[in-house]
Amino acid sequence: MTTAPLTVLSPVTGTVVALAEVDDPVFSAGLVGPGIAIAPDAAEGGLVSAPVSGTVVKVHPHAFVIKHDDGQAVLVHLGINTVQLGGEGFTLHVAQGDVVHQGTTLVTWDPAAIEEGGRSAVCPVVALEGSVEAVTPLAPVGTWVARGEELLIWE
């Protein structure tokens, strides 16, 4: 299937981090796909929005996947090892099967509380089943991005 380039927006406000620097071997090795990560801002990083428009095909308190109409799917994972929290500290605003638009608020959480609990709050944003060559970061590592700003292009 030929798809048009997909612009992926930042789901949270924070600082851009290289996916290879994420303290999780699955994400840092790119095993689920290429992408980038955001270290969320303690004050403004608590709102999580849809990085692309599409259908919510998987949703957990700590992670979600949105499949675009073109078939491309984007995974956002809120923090590292946050599955261990069993949903505590996360509020979902969508359900599996919901159709969402870029910028729709999907989850609220407290990244500072995650870090106070000894976990990383970094948020990988991954082009599932994408190739490294097809993903171009738009926000350089170390820069500040606001929720909803362009993060990467997936060709």
Protein backbone atom coordinates (compact mmCIF):
# COMPACT_ATOMS: atom_id res chain seq x y z
CA MET A 1 0.00 0.00 0.00
CA THR A 2 1.34 3.42 -0.91
CA THR A 3 0.81 6.01 1.77
CA ALA A 4 1.30 9.73 1.90
CA PRO A 5 3.87 10.99 4.40
CA LEU A 6 2.37 11.04 7.89
CA THR A 7 3.25 13.93 10.20
CA VAL A 8 3.38 12.74 13.80
CA LEU A 9 2.85 15.38 16.48
CA SER A 10 4.35 15.40 19.94
CA PRO A 11 1.88 13.77 22.35
CA VAL A 12 3.36 15.61 25.37
CA THR A 13 5.27 18.79 26.17
CA GLY A 14 8.92 18.23 27.01
CA THR A 15 12.44 17.68 25.75
CA VAL A 16 13.26 15.50 22.74
CA VAL A 17 15.36 12.40 23.56
CA ALA A 18 16.90 9.93 21.11
CA LEU A 19 15.07 6.60 21.18
CA ALA A 20 18.47 4.89 21.53
CA GLU A 21 18.89 6.72 24.86
CA VAL A 22 15.68 5.36 26.39
CA ASP A 23 16.43 3.15 29.40
CA ASP A 24 14.56 0.15 28.01
CA PRO A 25 16.23 -2.39 25.69
CA VAL A 26 13.12 -2.98 23.57
CA PHE A 27 12.68 0.71 22.76
CA SER A 28 16.38 1.69 22.62
CA ALA A 29 17.17 -1.10 20.16
CA GLY A 30 14.23 -0.12 17.96
CA LEU A 31 12.69 -3.58 18.29
CA VAL A 32 9.11 -2.28 18.02
CA GLY A 33 10.02 0.30 15.41
CA PRO A 34 11.87 3.57 14.87
CA GLY A 35 10.89 6.80 16.52
CA ILE A 36 11.86 9.36 19.10
CA ALA A 37 11.10 9.99 22.75
CA ILE A 38 10.03 12.93 24.86
CA ALA A 39 11.08 13.58 28.46
CA PRO A 40 7.86 15.20 29.65
CA ASP A 41 7.88 18.51 31.47
CA ALA A 42 6.87 18.07 35.12
CA ALA A 43 4.39 20.97 34.98
CA GLU A 44 3.03 20.75 31.42
CA GLY A 45 3.65 17.12 30.44
CA GLY A 46 0.57 15.68 32.13
CA LEU A 47 -1.75 16.08 29.14
CA VAL A 48 -1.26 13.43 26.46
CA SER A 49 -2.78 13.98 23.04
CA ALA A 50 -3.17 11.98 19.85
CA PRO A 51 -0.04 12.30 17.71
CA VAL A 52 -2.01 11.26 14.60
CA SER A 53 -5.65 11.00 13.59
CA GLY A 54 -7.09 7.51 13.39
CA THR A 55 -8.57 4.66 15.38
CA VAL A 56 -7.40 3.71 18.86
CA VAL A 57 -6.54 0.04 18.26
CA LYS A 58 -4.91 -0.62 21.64
CA VAL A 59 -5.24 1.34 24.85
CA HIS A 60 -3.82 0.80 28.32
CA PRO A 61 -3.45 3.46 31.01
CA HIS A 62 0.30 3.67 30.27
CA ALA A 63 0.29 3.19 26.47
CA PHE A 64 -1.81 3.40 23.33
CA VAL A 65 -1.65 2.67 19.62
CA ILE A 66 -3.47 4.76 17.01
CA LYS A 67 -3.83 3.37 13.49
CA HIS A 68 -4.07 6.02 10.79
CA ASP A 69 -6.51 5.52 7.90
CA ASP A 70 -3.48 4.80 5.66
CA GLY A 71 -2.60 1.80 7.85
CA GLN A 72 0.35 3.31 9.70
CA ALA A 73 0.21 2.74 13.46
CA VAL A 74 1.89 4.90 16.11
CA LEU A 75 2.64 3.68 19.64
CA VAL A 76 3.00 6.10 22.54
CA HIS A 77 4.30 4.63 25.81
CA LEU A 78 4.01 6.81 28.92
CA GLY A 79 7.08 6.19 31.01
CA ILE A 80 9.25 3.10 31.37
CA ASN A 81 8.07 0.11 33.45
CA THR A 82 4.82 1.97 34.13
CA VAL A 83 2.81 -1.16 33.28
CA GLN A 84 3.80 -2.24 36.82
CA LEU A 85 1.56 0.52 38.21
CA GLY A 86 -1.57 -1.27 37.04
CA GLY A 87 -3.09 1.98 35.79
CA GLU A 88 -2.61 3.89 39.03
CA GLY A 89 -1.95 7.57 38.33
CA PHE A 90 -3.32 7.49 34.77
CA THR A 91 -6.76 8.66 33.60
CA LEU A 92 -7.95 7.44 30.21
CA HIS A 93 -10.20 9.71 28.14
CA VAL A 94 -10.69 7.28 25.23
CA ALA A 95 -11.51 3.63 24.69
CA GLN A 96 -10.31 1.03 22.22
CA GLY A 97 -12.12 1.53 18.92
CA ASP A 98 -12.59 5.28 19.34
CA VAL A 99 -11.79 7.46 16.33
CA VAL A 100 -9.63 10.41 17.37
CA HIS A 101 -8.12 13.46 15.70
CA GLN A 102 -4.62 14.85 16.13
CA GLY A 103 -4.54 16.85 19.32
CA THR A 104 -7.41 15.04 21.09
CA THR A 105 -6.56 14.53 24.77
CA LEU A 106 -6.28 10.77 25.36
CA VAL A 107 -4.69 10.43 28.80
CA THR A 108 -3.83 12.58 31.79
CA TRP A 109 -1.06 11.60 34.19
CA ASP A 110 1.57 13.07 36.49
CA PRO A 111 5.06 12.48 35.08
CA ALA A 112 6.65 14.00 38.20
CA ALA A 113 4.90 11.39 40.38
CA ILE A 114 6.19 8.63 38.08
CA GLU A 115 9.75 9.86 38.59
CA GLU A 116 9.23 10.31 42.33
CA GLY A 117 8.24 6.62 42.35
CA GLY A 118 11.63 5.69 40.89
CA ARG A 119 10.60 5.20 37.25
CA SER A 120 11.50 7.12 34.13
CA ALA A 121 8.68 9.25 32.72
CA VAL A 122 10.22 9.35 29.22
CA CYS A 123 7.66 8.76 26.46
CA PRO A 124 8.72 6.76 23.39
CA VAL A 125 6.78 7.62 20.22
CA VAL A 126 7.22 4.74 17.79
CA ALA A 127 6.33 4.13 14.14
CA LEU A 128 5.17 0.52 14.51
CA GLU A 129 6.53 -1.71 11.77
CA GLY A 130 8.14 1.33 10.15
CA SER A 131 11.62 1.30 8.70
CA VAL A 132 14.38 3.50 10.07
CA GLU A 133 14.83 5.03 6.60
CA ALA A 134 11.15 6.04 6.47
CA VAL A 135 11.14 8.05 9.71
CA THR A 136 12.62 11.55 9.82
CA PRO A 137 12.73 13.44 13.12
CA LEU A 138 11.61 17.06 12.81
CA ALA A 139 12.60 18.08 16.32
CA PRO A 140 16.31 17.70 17.13
CA VAL A 141 17.39 15.84 20.27
CA GLY A 142 17.64 18.21 23.22
CA THR A 143 15.05 20.67 21.93
CA TRP A 144 11.83 21.62 23.65
CA VAL A 145 8.56 20.63 21.99
CA ALA A 146 5.07 21.60 22.98
CA ARG A 147 2.27 19.07 22.86
CA GLY A 148 0.88 19.18 19.32
CA GLU A 149 4.06 20.40 17.62
CA GLU A 150 5.45 18.41 14.69
CA LEU A 151 7.75 15.66 15.95
CA LEU A 152 8.53 13.41 12.99
CA ILE A 153 7.54 12.51 9.43
CA TRP A 154 6.83 8.91 8.48
CA GLU A 155 7.16 8.32 4.74
